[in-house]
Amino acid sequence: MMRLITQSQMLECLCQEAVIHRKFPFDFPKSHFLSTSNPAGPQYHPSVHIFPFLGATKNPVFLHSLANSDESTGFHQKSYGAYSLKLQNVLKNHRNSKTEEIELALDQCKVTISDGLVLELVRRNRFDWKLAYVFFQWVSKKSGNSLGFDVCNEILDILGRMHRFEELTKVFDKMSERGLIDGRTFRILVNRYAAAHMVEDAIGVFHRRKEFEFKDDLVAFQVLLMCLCRYKHVETAETLYQLKRREFGYDLKTMNIVLNGWCVLGNVHEAKRFWKDIIESKHKPDLFTYGTFINALTKKGKLVFREMKERGCSPNVATYNSLIKHLGKIGRMEKVYEILDEMEEKEGCSPNNVTFNYLLKFSEKPEEVPGVLERMERNGCNMCCDTYNLILRLYMKWDHEEKVRQMWDEIGKSGLGPDRRSYTIMIHWLYDKGRVEDALSYFNEMTSKGIVPEPRTEILVNSMRNKLKEQEGEKQKKDLGINGKSPRLRSKRFKKTKAR
């Protein structure tokens, strides 16, 4: 029997926020099945903030365990302390050195290598692919190819994120030779090729599963469709769904993926068409189907919400988030907070990161941010890079430079960034402020880490550099004097005129 993605997993994967980039925010292979529930009950932590930049609070907070997640996206797991710090300092101090020099410096560190230590270092440098890759290669030589699945998959994901597909292929080939290919490996490859809009390669990875004795099961197919939809290749995803329908049948969860793809893409016409296909099929729309369609219809969403309740389909977090999003857009914040109260009171429907990202986006002044973050903390939600970037943009919009600097420092301390989005936001903001040299400095820092800039950022930087060259040329002309004559000649002519 084929193993299906569970309802909660699908909702967690697909019902993520569209508020920041109008696209799916989940990021394979990072765990997108995180649960804030803890069977043993919440852990009590008095007067401790998980958001350090808020300062201390006297109110008690409950931090829910992430024990049910298959991988933490932060650094809350075991830390390797002095060893980790020692190796990290070596890597940072030799960032611009040759590979041989970095390896020589690492050789001087007398540390005991373990998969956990390597994984921690690789993750810390996930936005600096060159350092992460050099360190991975060095460890591979030292350990005699004894690294496990987690480390290899992590470096594979980092290389794919930075579009380093030549290096990615080399790592994949080595993993294949050592029998280190697993389901997560294929999820990473499919997602990263789709992210780079290499659609044929993404589909090809799915079909290559058989070479490694993996079946083309429904779960793997759903992952492929999710990745294609996330990066706006919804038409291709629907075509694949139609082609594979005979093999996998009419599966509601698979249909939901395509419906959500059209909705997030903003194509209401196609979303309505596909909604009718679902209604006409043998399947009854579920929580996710209704939630997605409510999100797409916007103005008519509340009517569908009411119909949903009348049909006995109780709304979940994703459904509430859709309403919050649209009520916030029209400025009905009092209603938004009523819904938030209802979510907190309703069992199994606690607000999540998506909820609080909407609340942050609809904030109108800096004083509102700490309150939202404190409420976010009370509900057991951790900060992620998207949330940091959102707050960064808010402080920029409010022209609060001190808070911008504070938030930038906090992103670095968190270990979650800065990522490409963070640098893009900072560079464009500095340019708008007229601080061209500072903007170029951040761009150089970003590229030195191996982070590939967005096309619009490259265009902007080239424009800034050309402008600086023109200004430098004008300055040189002024220094040389009018019509290009030297200052000395001008001085002589001036003296001669005076003598007359």
Protein backbone atom coordinates (compact mmCIF):
# COMPACT_ATOMS: atom_id res chain seq x y z
CA MET A 1 0.00 0.00 0.00
CA MET A 2 1.32 3.43 -0.91
CA ARG A 3 2.23 5.66 2.04
CA LEU A 4 0.47 9.03 1.84
CA ILE A 5 1.57 12.32 3.32
CA THR A 6 -0.56 12.87 6.42
CA GLN A 7 -3.06 15.71 6.64
CA SER A 8 -1.00 17.62 9.20
CA GLN A 9 2.18 17.21 7.16
CA MET A 10 0.53 18.46 3.99
CA LEU A 11 -0.98 21.44 5.78
CA GLU A 12 2.37 22.30 7.32
CA CYS A 13 4.10 21.97 3.94
CA LEU A 14 1.63 23.80 1.78
CA CYS A 15 -0.32 26.25 3.93
CA GLN A 16 2.71 28.38 4.67
CA GLU A 17 2.68 32.14 4.35
CA ALA A 18 2.38 33.87 1.01
CA VAL A 19 2.66 37.30 2.63
CA ILE A 20 6.36 37.99 2.09
CA HIS A 21 7.27 36.64 -1.34
CA ARG A 22 3.92 35.36 -2.68
CA LYS A 23 5.41 31.89 -2.84
CA PHE A 24 5.74 28.80 -0.68
CA PRO A 25 8.20 29.50 2.14
CA PHE A 26 9.04 25.94 3.09
CA ASP A 27 12.51 24.94 2.11
CA PHE A 28 13.43 21.33 1.55
CA PRO A 29 15.24 19.65 3.13
CA LYS A 30 14.80 21.80 6.21
CA SER A 31 12.20 20.20 8.38
CA HIS A 32 8.79 21.51 7.42
CA PHE A 33 6.99 19.06 9.70
CA LEU A 34 7.87 20.88 12.93
CA SER A 35 5.37 20.45 15.70
CA THR A 36 4.88 22.82 18.58
CA SER A 37 3.00 20.22 20.53
CA ASN A 38 4.71 18.40 23.36
CA PRO A 39 3.10 15.29 24.81
CA ALA A 40 4.98 15.80 28.04
CA GLY A 41 3.61 19.31 28.38
CA PRO A 42 5.29 22.68 27.87
CA GLN A 43 8.56 23.51 29.56
CA TYR A 44 8.49 26.43 31.97
CA HIS A 45 11.18 29.06 31.56
CA PRO A 46 10.82 32.08 33.83
CA SER A 47 12.04 35.47 32.63
CA VAL A 48 13.89 34.19 29.58
CA HIS A 49 13.31 35.44 26.07
CA ILE A 50 14.03 33.32 23.04
CA PHE A 51 14.23 36.65 21.21
CA PRO A 52 17.25 38.32 22.90
CA PHE A 53 16.77 41.68 21.20
CA LEU A 54 13.52 42.17 23.15
CA GLY A 55 15.40 42.25 26.44
CA ALA A 56 14.35 40.46 29.61
CA THR A 57 10.72 40.04 30.59
CA LYS A 58 9.21 39.37 33.97
CA ASN A 59 6.37 37.36 32.52
CA PRO A 60 6.69 33.56 32.54
CA VAL A 61 6.88 31.92 29.12
CA PHE A 62 6.17 28.42 27.90
CA LEU A 63 8.57 27.05 25.33
CA HIS A 64 7.19 24.06 23.50
CA SER A 65 9.52 21.23 22.61
CA LEU A 66 10.59 20.56 19.05
CA ALA A 67 11.36 16.95 19.90
CA ASN A 68 9.00 15.66 17.26
CA SER A 69 10.86 17.34 14.41
CA ASP A 70 13.26 15.36 12.30
CA GLU A 71 15.69 18.26 12.09
CA SER A 72 15.99 21.58 13.84
CA THR A 73 16.55 24.54 11.60
CA GLY A 74 18.26 26.46 14.38
CA PHE A 75 21.11 25.60 16.70
CA HIS A 76 19.15 24.32 19.68
CA GLN A 77 20.71 20.88 19.44
CA LYS A 78 23.93 19.82 21.14
CA SER A 79 26.71 22.34 20.67
CA TYR A 80 30.33 21.29 20.36
CA GLY A 81 31.58 24.34 22.21
CA ALA A 82 35.30 25.02 22.06
CA TYR A 83 35.96 22.68 19.11
CA SER A 84 33.23 24.31 17.05
CA LEU A 85 34.38 27.84 17.92
CA LYS A 86 38.00 27.02 17.16
CA LEU A 87 37.23 25.63 13.71
CA GLN A 88 34.78 28.43 12.94
CA ASN A 89 37.38 31.08 13.74
CA VAL A 90 39.88 29.39 11.43
CA LEU A 91 37.35 29.32 8.61
CA LYS A 92 36.34 32.96 9.05
CA ASN A 93 39.93 34.19 9.35
CA HIS A 94 40.89 32.41 6.13
CA ARG A 95 37.74 33.16 4.13
CA ASN A 96 39.67 34.81 1.29
CA SER A 97 42.59 32.36 1.36
CA LYS A 98 43.31 29.59 -1.11
CA THR A 99 41.89 26.14 -0.46
CA GLU A 100 45.34 24.75 0.38
CA GLU A 101 45.93 27.50 2.95
CA ILE A 102 42.56 26.88 4.62
CA GLU A 103 43.23 23.15 4.80
CA LEU A 104 46.70 23.79 6.25
CA ALA A 105 45.20 26.04 8.94
CA LEU A 106 42.56 23.40 9.74
CA ASP A 107 45.31 20.79 10.05
CA GLN A 108 46.75 22.80 12.95
CA CYS A 109 43.51 22.36 14.92
CA LYS A 110 43.78 19.30 17.10
CA VAL A 111 40.11 18.39 17.33
CA THR A 112 38.15 15.16 17.36
CA ILE A 113 35.97 15.05 14.27
CA SER A 114 32.41 13.72 14.53
CA ASP A 115 29.34 13.91 12.29
CA GLY A 116 27.65 16.20 14.81
CA LEU A 117 30.55 18.65 14.87
CA VAL A 118 30.83 18.67 11.07
CA LEU A 119 27.09 19.17 10.69
CA GLU A 120 27.14 22.13 13.08
CA LEU A 121 30.02 23.81 11.23
CA VAL A 122 28.50 23.20 7.82
CA ARG A 123 25.17 24.66 8.93
CA ARG A 124 26.84 27.70 10.45
CA ASN A 125 28.39 28.42 7.05
CA ARG A 126 25.40 27.49 4.92
CA PHE A 127 25.28 31.00 3.42
CA ASP A 128 29.00 30.90 2.66
CA TRP A 129 29.11 27.88 0.36
CA LYS A 130 32.85 28.13 -0.38
CA LEU A 131 33.85 27.78 3.27
CA ALA A 132 31.28 25.06 3.89
CA TYR A 133 32.45 23.10 0.84
CA VAL A 134 36.16 23.46 1.61
CA PHE A 135 35.55 22.33 5.19
CA PHE A 136 33.45 19.39 3.97
CA GLN A 137 36.18 18.33 1.52
CA TRP A 138 38.85 18.62 4.21
CA VAL A 139 36.84 16.48 6.63
CA SER A 140 36.16 13.91 3.90
CA LYS A 141 39.91 13.48 3.38
CA LYS A 142 40.64 13.31 7.11
CA SER A 143 37.84 10.93 8.02
CA GLY A 144 38.42 8.51 5.19
CA ASN A 145 34.93 8.93 3.72
CA SER A 146 33.19 8.03 6.98
CA LEU A 147 30.71 10.91 6.93
CA GLY A 148 27.06 9.95 7.14
CA PHE A 149 23.78 10.82 5.41
CA ASP A 150 23.02 14.02 7.33
CA VAL A 151 26.31 15.80 6.59
CA CYS A 152 26.34 14.83 2.91
CA ASN A 153 22.73 15.88 2.41
CA GLU A 154 23.38 19.19 4.16
CA ILE A 155 26.30 20.14 1.90
CA LEU A 156 24.25 18.99 -1.09
CA ASP A 157 21.49 21.39 -0.08
CA ILE A 158 23.92 24.28 0.45
CA LEU A 159 25.50 23.82 -2.98
CA GLY A 160 22.08 23.56 -4.61
CA ARG A 161 20.87 26.73 -2.88
CA MET A 162 23.83 28.63 -4.33
CA HIS A 163 23.36 27.06 -7.78
CA ARG A 164 26.74 25.32 -7.59
CA PHE A 165 25.52 22.35 -9.61
CA GLU A 166 28.97 21.25 -10.78
CA GLU A 167 30.12 20.77 -7.18
CA LEU A 168 26.70 19.34 -6.28
CA THR A 169 27.06 16.65 -8.96
CA LYS A 170 30.50 15.68 -7.63
CA VAL A 171 29.15 15.28 -4.09
CA PHE A 172 26.14 13.31 -5.36
CA ASP A 173 28.40 10.95 -7.32
CA LYS A 174 30.51 10.32 -4.21
CA MET A 175 27.37 9.69 -2.18
CA SER A 176 26.20 7.24 -4.82
CA GLU A 177 29.49 5.34 -4.70
CA ARG A 178 29.21 5.02 -0.92
CA GLY A 179 25.52 4.12 -0.85
CA LEU A 180 24.51 7.32 0.95
CA ILE A 181 21.48 8.15 -1.19
CA ASP A 182 18.19 8.32 0.70
CA GLY A 183 14.75 9.85 0.25
CA ARG A 184 15.91 13.20 1.61
CA THR A 185 18.65 13.34 -1.02
CA PHE A 186 16.04 13.24 -3.77
CA ARG A 187 13.89 15.85 -2.02
CA ILE A 188 16.89 18.19 -1.88
CA LEU A 189 17.77 17.69 -5.55
CA VAL A 190 14.21 18.11 -6.78
CA ASN A 191 13.74 21.27 -4.74
CA ARG A 192 17.05 22.88 -5.70
CA TYR A 193 16.67 22.16 -9.42
CA ALA A 194 13.11 23.53 -9.31
CA ALA A 195 14.36 26.62 -7.46
CA ALA A 196 16.88 27.21 -10.26
CA HIS A 197 14.02 26.77 -12.78
CA MET A 198 15.79 23.70 -14.18
CA VAL A 199 12.44 21.95 -14.54
CA GLU A 200 13.60 19.08 -16.75
CA ASP A 201 16.40 18.28 -14.31
CA ALA A 202 13.96 18.27 -11.38
CA ILE A 203 11.65 15.86 -13.20
CA GLY A 204 14.67 13.80 -14.27
CA VAL A 205 15.74 13.40 -10.63
CA PHE A 206 12.30 11.99 -9.82
CA HIS A 207 12.60 9.42 -12.60
CA ARG A 208 16.15 8.49 -11.53
CA ARG A 209 14.84 7.15 -8.23
CA LYS A 210 14.50 3.70 -9.81
CA GLU A 211 18.25 3.59 -10.48
CA PHE A 212 18.77 3.58 -6.72
CA GLU A 213 15.98 1.10 -6.00
CA PHE A 214 13.50 3.74 -4.85
CA LYS A 215 9.93 3.44 -6.07
CA ASP A 216 8.12 6.27 -7.83
CA ASP A 217 5.57 6.34 -5.03
CA LEU A 218 2.89 8.93 -4.37
CA VAL A 219 4.86 10.68 -1.61
CA ALA A 220 7.82 11.33 -3.93
CA PHE A 221 5.46 12.50 -6.67
CA GLN A 222 3.74 14.92 -4.30
CA VAL A 223 7.14 16.33 -3.30
CA LEU A 224 7.95 16.93 -6.98
CA LEU A 225 4.65 18.74 -7.54
CA MET A 226 5.09 20.86 -4.40
CA CYS A 227 8.55 21.99 -5.50
CA LEU A 228 7.39 22.82 -9.03
CA CYS A 229 4.42 24.79 -7.69
CA ARG A 230 6.56 26.61 -5.17
CA TYR A 231 8.70 28.06 -7.94
CA LYS A 232 5.71 28.96 -10.14
CA HIS A 233 5.84 26.01 -12.55
CA VAL A 234 2.21 25.19 -11.78
CA GLU A 235 1.22 24.43 -15.37
CA THR A 236 3.97 21.80 -15.58
CA ALA A 237 2.88 20.38 -12.22
CA GLU A 238 -0.73 20.04 -13.38
CA THR A 239 0.38 18.41 -16.64
CA LEU A 240 2.40 15.85 -14.67
CA TYR A 241 -0.59 15.25 -12.39
CA GLN A 242 -2.80 14.52 -15.41
CA LEU A 243 -0.17 12.20 -16.92
CA LYS A 244 0.30 10.27 -13.67
CA ARG A 245 -3.39 10.17 -12.73
CA ARG A 246 -3.82 6.65 -14.09
CA GLU A 247 -0.84 5.45 -12.03
CA PHE A 248 -1.72 7.20 -8.76
CA GLY A 249 -5.47 7.74 -9.19
CA TYR A 250 -7.57 10.71 -8.03
CA ASP A 251 -5.85 11.67 -4.80
CA LEU A 252 -7.23 14.71 -2.97
CA LYS A 253 -3.92 15.71 -1.39
CA THR A 254 -2.25 15.73 -4.81
CA MET A 255 -5.09 17.81 -6.23
CA ASN A 256 -4.75 20.20 -3.28
CA ILE A 257 -1.11 20.79 -4.19
CA VAL A 258 -2.04 21.91 -7.70
CA LEU A 259 -4.96 24.02 -6.43
CA ASN A 260 -2.67 25.73 -3.94
CA GLY A 261 -0.14 26.33 -6.70
CA TRP A 262 -2.67 28.24 -8.81
CA CYS A 263 -3.89 30.19 -5.78
CA VAL A 264 -0.43 31.29 -4.65
CA LEU A 265 0.42 32.18 -8.23
CA GLY A 266 -2.56 34.54 -8.07
CA ASN A 267 -4.36 32.97 -11.03
CA VAL A 268 -7.94 32.96 -9.72
CA HIS A 269 -9.36 31.81 -13.08
CA GLU A 270 -7.26 28.62 -13.10
CA ALA A 271 -7.89 28.12 -9.37
CA LYS A 272 -11.67 28.21 -9.94
CA ARG A 273 -11.35 25.80 -12.87
CA PHE A 274 -9.36 23.32 -10.81
CA TRP A 275 -11.73 23.79 -7.83
CA LYS A 276 -14.57 22.62 -10.09
CA ASP A 277 -12.50 19.56 -11.05
CA ILE A 278 -12.16 18.69 -7.37
CA ILE A 279 -15.89 19.19 -6.73
CA GLU A 280 -16.76 17.00 -9.73
CA SER A 281 -14.40 14.24 -8.59
CA LYS A 282 -15.38 11.58 -6.06
CA HIS A 283 -13.50 13.44 -3.31
CA LYS A 284 -15.08 15.75 -0.76
CA PRO A 285 -13.09 18.98 -0.18
CA ASP A 286 -11.18 18.92 3.10
CA LEU A 287 -9.75 21.56 5.44
CA PHE A 288 -6.89 22.36 3.16
CA THR A 289 -9.05 22.60 0.03
CA TYR A 290 -11.38 25.10 1.68
CA GLY A 291 -8.53 27.05 3.27
CA THR A 292 -6.73 27.38 -0.04
CA PHE A 293 -9.81 28.51 -1.90
CA ILE A 294 -10.72 31.03 0.80
CA ASN A 295 -7.22 32.46 0.41
CA ALA A 296 -7.64 32.75 -3.35
CA LEU A 297 -11.09 34.34 -3.37
CA THR A 298 -10.20 37.09 -0.87
CA LYS A 299 -13.47 39.08 -0.86
CA LYS A 300 -15.70 36.01 -1.01
CA GLY A 301 -13.52 34.12 1.42
CA LYS A 302 -15.74 34.81 4.44
CA LEU A 303 -18.73 33.31 2.62
CA VAL A 304 -16.80 30.13 1.90
CA PHE A 305 -15.63 30.15 5.53
CA ARG A 306 -19.25 30.25 6.69
CA GLU A 307 -20.24 27.49 4.24
CA MET A 308 -17.32 25.43 5.48
CA LYS A 309 -18.59 25.59 9.08
CA GLU A 310 -22.14 24.78 7.95
CA ARG A 311 -20.88 21.62 6.25
CA GLY A 312 -19.25 20.51 9.48
CA CYS A 313 -15.67 21.12 8.34
CA SER A 314 -14.04 22.83 11.31
CA PRO A 315 -11.47 25.51 10.34
CA ASN A 316 -7.80 24.98 11.19
CA VAL A 317 -4.75 27.24 11.53
CA ALA A 318 -4.30 27.66 7.77
CA THR A 319 -7.94 28.69 7.34
CA TYR A 320 -7.72 31.25 10.14
CA ASN A 321 -4.46 32.58 8.69
CA SER A 322 -6.17 33.17 5.34
CA LEU A 323 -8.83 35.29 7.04
CA ILE A 324 -6.24 37.19 9.08
CA LYS A 325 -4.30 37.96 5.93
CA HIS A 326 -7.25 39.50 4.13
CA LEU A 327 -8.76 41.27 7.14
CA GLY A 328 -5.36 42.83 7.79
CA LYS A 329 -5.15 44.03 4.19
CA ILE A 330 -8.35 46.02 4.58
CA GLY A 331 -7.29 47.41 7.96
CA ARG A 332 -9.68 45.41 10.16
CA MET A 333 -7.07 44.88 12.88
CA GLU A 334 -9.62 44.72 15.71
CA LYS A 335 -11.18 41.72 13.94
CA VAL A 336 -7.73 40.23 13.35
CA TYR A 337 -6.97 40.23 17.07
CA GLU A 338 -10.40 38.74 17.81
CA ILE A 339 -9.51 35.84 15.52
CA LEU A 340 -6.10 35.56 17.19
CA ASP A 341 -7.78 35.29 20.60
CA GLU A 342 -10.10 32.62 19.21
CA MET A 343 -7.16 30.64 17.83
CA GLU A 344 -5.35 30.73 21.18
CA GLU A 345 -8.46 29.53 23.01
CA LYS A 346 -9.33 26.80 20.50
CA GLU A 347 -7.66 23.45 21.15
CA GLY A 348 -5.29 22.30 18.41
CA CYS A 349 -5.47 25.60 16.55
CA SER A 350 -2.66 27.66 18.08
CA PRO A 351 -1.28 30.49 15.92
CA ASN A 352 2.00 29.74 14.14
CA ASN A 353 4.84 31.69 12.53
CA VAL A 354 2.68 32.47 9.51
CA THR A 355 0.07 34.07 11.79
CA PHE A 356 2.58 36.32 13.49
CA ASN A 357 4.31 37.26 10.24
CA TYR A 358 0.96 38.62 9.06
CA LEU A 359 0.57 40.58 12.31
CA LEU A 360 4.06 42.01 11.88
CA LYS A 361 3.40 42.98 8.30
CA PHE A 362 0.27 44.87 9.30
CA SER A 363 2.06 46.75 12.11
CA GLU A 364 1.96 50.52 11.66
CA LYS A 365 4.70 51.69 14.04
CA PRO A 366 7.88 50.33 15.72
CA GLU A 367 6.25 50.19 19.16
CA GLU A 368 3.91 47.42 17.97
CA VAL A 369 6.70 44.96 17.07
CA PRO A 370 7.81 43.91 20.60
CA GLY A 371 4.21 43.12 21.55
CA VAL A 372 3.74 40.85 18.54
CA LEU A 373 7.05 39.09 19.21
CA GLU A 374 6.25 38.55 22.88
CA ARG A 375 2.91 37.02 21.93
CA MET A 376 4.70 34.93 19.32
CA GLU A 377 7.06 33.68 22.01
CA ARG A 378 4.24 32.81 24.39
CA ASN A 379 2.76 30.59 21.70
CA GLY A 380 6.03 28.66 21.34
CA CYS A 381 6.99 30.03 17.92
CA ASN A 382 10.69 30.46 17.10
CA MET A 383 12.17 33.18 14.93
CA CYS A 384 13.11 32.23 11.37
CA CYS A 385 15.05 34.13 8.71
CA ASP A 386 11.83 35.22 6.95
CA THR A 387 10.62 36.83 10.18
CA TYR A 388 13.96 38.59 10.74
CA ASN A 389 13.89 39.91 7.17
CA LEU A 390 10.31 41.09 7.55
CA ILE A 391 11.15 43.04 10.71
CA LEU A 392 14.25 44.44 9.01
CA ARG A 393 12.10 45.80 6.18
CA LEU A 394 9.60 47.26 8.63
CA TYR A 395 12.28 49.24 10.48
CA MET A 396 13.61 50.45 7.13
CA LYS A 397 10.13 51.57 6.11
CA TRP A 398 9.85 53.48 9.38
CA ASP A 399 13.36 54.93 8.85
CA HIS A 400 14.53 53.60 12.22
CA GLU A 401 18.28 53.19 11.54
CA GLU A 402 19.21 52.14 15.06
CA LYS A 403 16.70 49.28 14.97
CA VAL A 404 17.91 48.31 11.50
CA ARG A 405 21.48 47.93 12.80
CA GLN A 406 20.23 46.08 15.87
CA MET A 407 18.18 43.65 13.78
CA TRP A 408 21.07 43.04 11.37
CA ASP A 409 23.35 42.14 14.27
CA GLU A 410 20.66 39.86 15.69
CA ILE A 411 20.30 37.98 12.38
CA GLY A 412 24.02 37.23 12.45
CA LYS A 413 23.99 36.14 16.10
CA SER A 414 21.03 33.82 15.50
CA GLY A 415 22.96 31.72 13.00
CA LEU A 416 20.01 31.93 10.60
CA GLY A 417 21.54 34.51 8.29
CA PRO A 418 22.00 36.98 6.84
CA ASP A 419 20.83 35.21 3.68
CA ARG A 420 20.46 36.49 0.14
CA ARG A 421 17.15 38.15 0.96
CA SER A 422 18.70 39.98 3.93
CA TYR A 423 21.54 41.36 1.81
CA THR A 424 19.17 42.32 -1.02
CA ILE A 425 16.96 44.29 1.37
CA MET A 426 19.96 46.04 2.94
CA ILE A 427 21.68 46.91 -0.36
CA HIS A 428 18.57 48.41 -1.95
CA TRP A 429 17.68 50.34 1.21
CA LEU A 430 21.18 51.85 1.46
CA TYR A 431 21.02 52.83 -2.21
CA ASP A 432 17.67 54.55 -1.67
CA LYS A 433 19.26 56.42 1.26
CA GLY A 434 22.03 57.64 -1.06
CA ARG A 435 24.70 55.58 0.74
CA VAL A 436 26.20 54.05 -2.38
CA GLU A 437 29.57 53.06 -0.90
CA ASP A 438 27.89 51.30 2.04
CA ALA A 439 25.59 49.47 -0.37
CA LEU A 440 28.57 48.28 -2.42
CA SER A 441 30.34 47.18 0.77
CA TYR A 442 27.41 44.91 1.69
CA PHE A 443 27.30 43.61 -1.88
CA ASN A 444 31.00 42.72 -1.74
CA GLU A 445 30.47 41.00 1.61
CA MET A 446 27.59 39.00 0.17
CA THR A 447 29.47 37.83 -2.92
CA SER A 448 32.58 37.01 -0.85
CA LYS A 449 30.39 34.44 0.94
CA GLY A 450 29.46 32.89 -2.38
CA ILE A 451 25.86 34.13 -2.21
CA VAL A 452 24.51 34.65 -5.72
CA PRO A 453 22.83 38.09 -5.98
CA GLU A 454 19.38 38.58 -7.47
CA PRO A 455 19.44 39.86 -11.09
CA ARG A 456 17.89 43.20 -10.06
CA THR A 457 20.61 43.66 -7.44
CA GLU A 458 23.35 43.00 -10.01
CA ILE A 459 21.79 45.59 -12.31
CA LEU A 460 21.63 48.10 -9.46
CA VAL A 461 25.24 47.46 -8.41
CA ASN A 462 26.53 47.83 -11.98
CA SER A 463 24.65 51.13 -12.20
CA MET A 464 26.18 52.33 -8.91
CA ARG A 465 29.68 51.38 -10.02
CA ASN A 466 29.27 53.18 -13.36
CA LYS A 467 27.98 56.25 -11.55
CA LEU A 468 30.97 56.23 -9.20
CA LYS A 469 33.34 55.97 -12.19
CA GLU A 470 31.65 58.94 -13.83
CA GLN A 471 31.91 60.96 -10.62
CA GLU A 472 35.58 60.02 -10.30
CA GLY A 473 36.16 61.09 -13.90
CA GLU A 474 34.48 64.43 -13.30
CA LYS A 475 36.56 64.95 -10.18
CA GLN A 476 39.79 64.26 -12.09
CA LYS A 477 38.78 66.76 -14.76
CA LYS A 478 38.20 69.42 -12.13
CA ASP A 479 41.57 68.67 -10.58
CA LEU A 480 43.24 69.04 -13.98
CA GLY A 481 41.50 72.33 -14.58
CA ILE A 482 39.21 73.73 -17.26
CA ASN A 483 39.54 72.07 -20.71
CA GLY A 484 41.95 69.55 -19.30
CA LYS A 485 44.85 72.01 -18.66
CA SER A 486 47.04 71.35 -15.65
CA PRO A 487 46.71 73.40 -12.43
CA ARG A 488 50.28 74.67 -12.90
CA LEU A 489 49.48 76.24 -16.30
CA ARG A 490 46.33 77.80 -14.90
CA SER A 491 48.37 79.27 -12.06
CA LYS A 492 50.90 80.85 -14.47
CA ARG A 493 48.17 82.35 -16.61
CA PHE A 494 46.50 83.77 -13.51
CA LYS A 495 49.77 85.40 -12.37
CA LYS A 496 50.37 86.87 -15.82
CA THR A 497 46.91 88.40 -15.84
CA LYS A 498 47.53 89.95 -12.46
CA ALA A 499 50.83 91.49 -13.64
CA ARG A 500 48.99 93.39 -16.31
